[in-house]
C-alpha atoms as a PDB file:
ATOM      1  CA  MET A   1     -28.789 -17.936 112.733  1.00  0.00           C
ATOM      2  CA  GLN A   2     -27.455 -16.315 109.542  1.00  0.00           C
ATOM      3  CA  PRO A   3     -27.367 -12.514 109.382  1.00  0.00           C
ATOM      4  CA  THR A   4     -29.640 -10.966 106.798  1.00  0.00           C
ATOM      5  CA  ASP A   5     -28.203  -9.161 103.794  1.00  0.00           C
ATOM      6  CA  ASP A   6     -29.293  -5.831 105.295  1.00  0.00           C
ATOM      7  CA  SER A   7     -27.360  -6.330 108.533  1.00  0.00           C
ATOM      8  CA  ALA A   8     -24.131  -7.597 106.999  1.00  0.00           C
ATOM      9  CA  PRO A   9     -22.850  -4.230 105.754  1.00  0.00           C
ATOM     10  CA  GLU A  10     -23.669  -2.589 109.102  1.00  0.00           C
ATOM     11  CA  SER A  11     -21.774  -5.277 111.013  1.00  0.00           C
ATOM     12  CA  ASP A  12     -18.849  -4.823 108.606  1.00  0.00           C
ATOM     13  CA  ILE A  13     -18.859  -1.093 109.376  1.00  0.00           C
ATOM     14  CA  ASP A  14     -18.892  -1.869 113.112  1.00  0.00           C
ATOM     15  CA  ALA A  15     -15.972  -4.276 112.791  1.00  0.00           C
ATOM     16  CA  ILE A  16     -13.909  -1.929 110.642  1.00  0.00           C
ATOM     17  CA  TYR A  17     -14.651   1.002 112.945  1.00  0.00           C
ATOM     18  CA  ARG A  18     -13.507  -0.976 116.004  1.00  0.00           C
ATOM     19  CA  GLN A  19     -10.250  -1.815 114.209  1.00  0.00           C
ATOM     20  CA  LEU A  20      -9.695   1.797 113.138  1.00  0.00           C
ATOM     21  CA  LYS A  21     -10.079   2.966 116.743  1.00  0.00           C
ATOM     22  CA  LYS A  22      -7.202   0.618 117.610  1.00  0.00           C
ATOM     23  CA  GLY A  23      -5.071   1.962 114.743  1.00  0.00           C
ATOM     24  CA  LEU A  24      -5.690  -1.116 112.579  1.00  0.00           C
ATOM     25  CA  GLY A  25      -7.821  -1.975 109.557  1.00  0.00           C
ATOM     26  CA  HIS A  26      -6.949   0.983 107.324  1.00  0.00           C
ATOM     27  CA  GLU A  27      -6.707  -1.355 104.343  1.00  0.00           C
ATOM     28  CA  LYS A  28     -10.404  -2.177 104.743  1.00  0.00           C
ATOM     29  CA  VAL A  29     -11.535   1.415 104.142  1.00  0.00           C
ATOM     30  CA  ASN A  30     -12.899   1.885 100.627  1.00  0.00           C
ATOM     31  CA  ASP A  31     -15.145   4.171  98.598  1.00  0.00           C
ATOM     32  CA  ASP A  32     -18.195   2.138  99.602  1.00  0.00           C
ATOM     33  CA  ASN A  33     -17.743   2.424 103.377  1.00  0.00           C
ATOM     34  CA  VAL A  34     -15.739   5.598 104.008  1.00  0.00           C
ATOM     35  CA  PHE A  35     -18.755   7.895 104.453  1.00  0.00           C
ATOM     36  CA  ALA A  36     -20.449   5.510 106.896  1.00  0.00           C
ATOM     37  CA  LEU A  37     -17.187   5.327 108.854  1.00  0.00           C
ATOM     38  CA  ILE A  38     -16.883   9.143 108.864  1.00  0.00           C
ATOM     39  CA  ASP A  39     -20.447   9.390 110.180  1.00  0.00           C
ATOM     40  CA  ARG A  40     -19.707   6.817 112.888  1.00  0.00           C
ATOM     41  CA  ALA A  41     -16.547   8.651 113.996  1.00  0.00           C
ATOM     42  CA  ALA A  42     -18.416  11.984 114.091  1.00  0.00           C
ATOM     43  CA  LEU A  43     -21.294  10.441 116.043  1.00  0.00           C
ATOM     44  CA  ASN A  44     -18.881   8.997 118.609  1.00  0.00           C
ATOM     45  CA  GLY A  45     -16.850  12.212 118.875  1.00  0.00           C
ATOM     46  CA  HIS A  46     -13.659  10.623 117.553  1.00  0.00           C
ATOM     47  CA  LYS A  47     -12.371  13.780 115.811  1.00  0.00           C
ATOM     48  CA  GLN A  48      -8.934  12.465 114.851  1.00  0.00           C
ATOM     49  CA  LEU A  49     -10.331   9.380 113.147  1.00  0.00           C
ATOM     50  CA  GLU A  50     -13.021  11.482 111.452  1.00  0.00           C
ATOM     51  CA  THR A  51     -10.349  13.836 110.102  1.00  0.00           C
ATOM     52  CA  GLU A  52      -8.179  10.962 108.869  1.00  0.00           C
ATOM     53  CA  LEU A  53     -11.124   9.399 107.050  1.00  0.00           C
ATOM     54  CA  ARG A  54     -12.090  12.727 105.473  1.00  0.00           C
ATOM     55  CA  GLU A  55      -8.502  13.140 104.258  1.00  0.00           C
ATOM     56  CA  TRP A  56      -8.564   9.598 102.882  1.00  0.00           C
ATOM     57  CA  GLN A  57     -11.699  10.218 100.819  1.00  0.00           C
ATOM     58  CA  ALA A  58     -10.631  13.674  99.575  1.00  0.00           C
ATOM     59  CA  PRO A  59      -9.140  13.871  96.063  1.00  0.00           C
ATOM     60  CA  CYS A  60      -5.419  14.593  96.056  1.00  0.00           C
ATOM     61  CA  SER A  61      -5.632  17.247  93.362  1.00  0.00           C
ATOM     62  CA  ASP A  62      -8.393  18.337  91.046  1.00  0.00           C
ATOM     63  CA  GLY A  63      -6.077  20.270  88.736  1.00  0.00           C
ATOM     64  CA  SER A  64      -7.238  23.655  90.037  1.00  0.00           C
ATOM     65  CA  PRO A  65      -4.758  26.544  89.835  1.00  0.00           C
ATOM     66  CA  GLY A  66      -2.674  26.792  92.986  1.00  0.00           C
ATOM     67  CA  VAL A  67      -3.224  23.147  93.927  1.00  0.00           C
ATOM     68  CA  PRO A  68       0.020  21.196  93.599  1.00  0.00           C
ATOM     69  CA  SER A  69      -0.017  18.157  91.373  1.00  0.00           C
ATOM     70  CA  THR A  70       0.503  14.719  92.868  1.00  0.00           C
ATOM     71  CA  ILE A  71       1.957  13.343  89.640  1.00  0.00           C
ATOM     72  CA  ALA A  72       5.595  12.275  89.767  1.00  0.00           C
ATOM     73  CA  PRO A  73       8.069  14.570  87.996  1.00  0.00           C
ATOM     74  CA  THR A  74       9.115  13.711  84.463  1.00  0.00           C
ATOM     75  CA  ARG A  75      12.468  12.073  83.695  1.00  0.00           C
ATOM     76  CA  GLY A  76      13.895  15.409  82.573  1.00  0.00           C
ATOM     77  CA  PHE A  77      12.703  17.282  85.639  1.00  0.00           C
ATOM     78  CA  ASN A  78      16.153  18.075  87.030  1.00  0.00           C
ATOM     79  CA  ARG A  79      17.636  18.940  83.624  1.00  0.00           C
ATOM     80  CA  GLU A  80      14.729  21.229  82.734  1.00  0.00           C
ATOM     81  CA  ASN A  81      14.827  23.099  86.019  1.00  0.00           C
ATOM     82  CA  ALA A  82      18.571  23.182  86.717  1.00  0.00           C
ATOM     83  CA  LYS A  83      20.335  26.531  86.747  1.00  0.00           C
ATOM     84  CA  HIS A  84      22.989  26.785  84.058  1.00  0.00           C
END
C-alpha cells in the first residue's frame, strides 16, 4: 500500500527525528522541516536536540548594533587594523 501525500511528510519528520536522536541526519534538516522537528523534540523532552535545532534555524546576524557580523574580514583587514 502506497502512503498518501499527507502522510509522507510526517513519516519523513519521524525518520529524520530518529536519526537526529542518534546524532545523525543533520544534513536533512531544512527550512521546511526544522519547526516540526523542534516541536517533536520539545514534545519528547529532548532539550539538547531542541536547542540545537533552534540554533540552526536562528539567523546568524541581523545587522543589529552590538551583534557581531558573520561576514569574513576583507583582504586588508590586518593592514587596516595593525598598530603602526
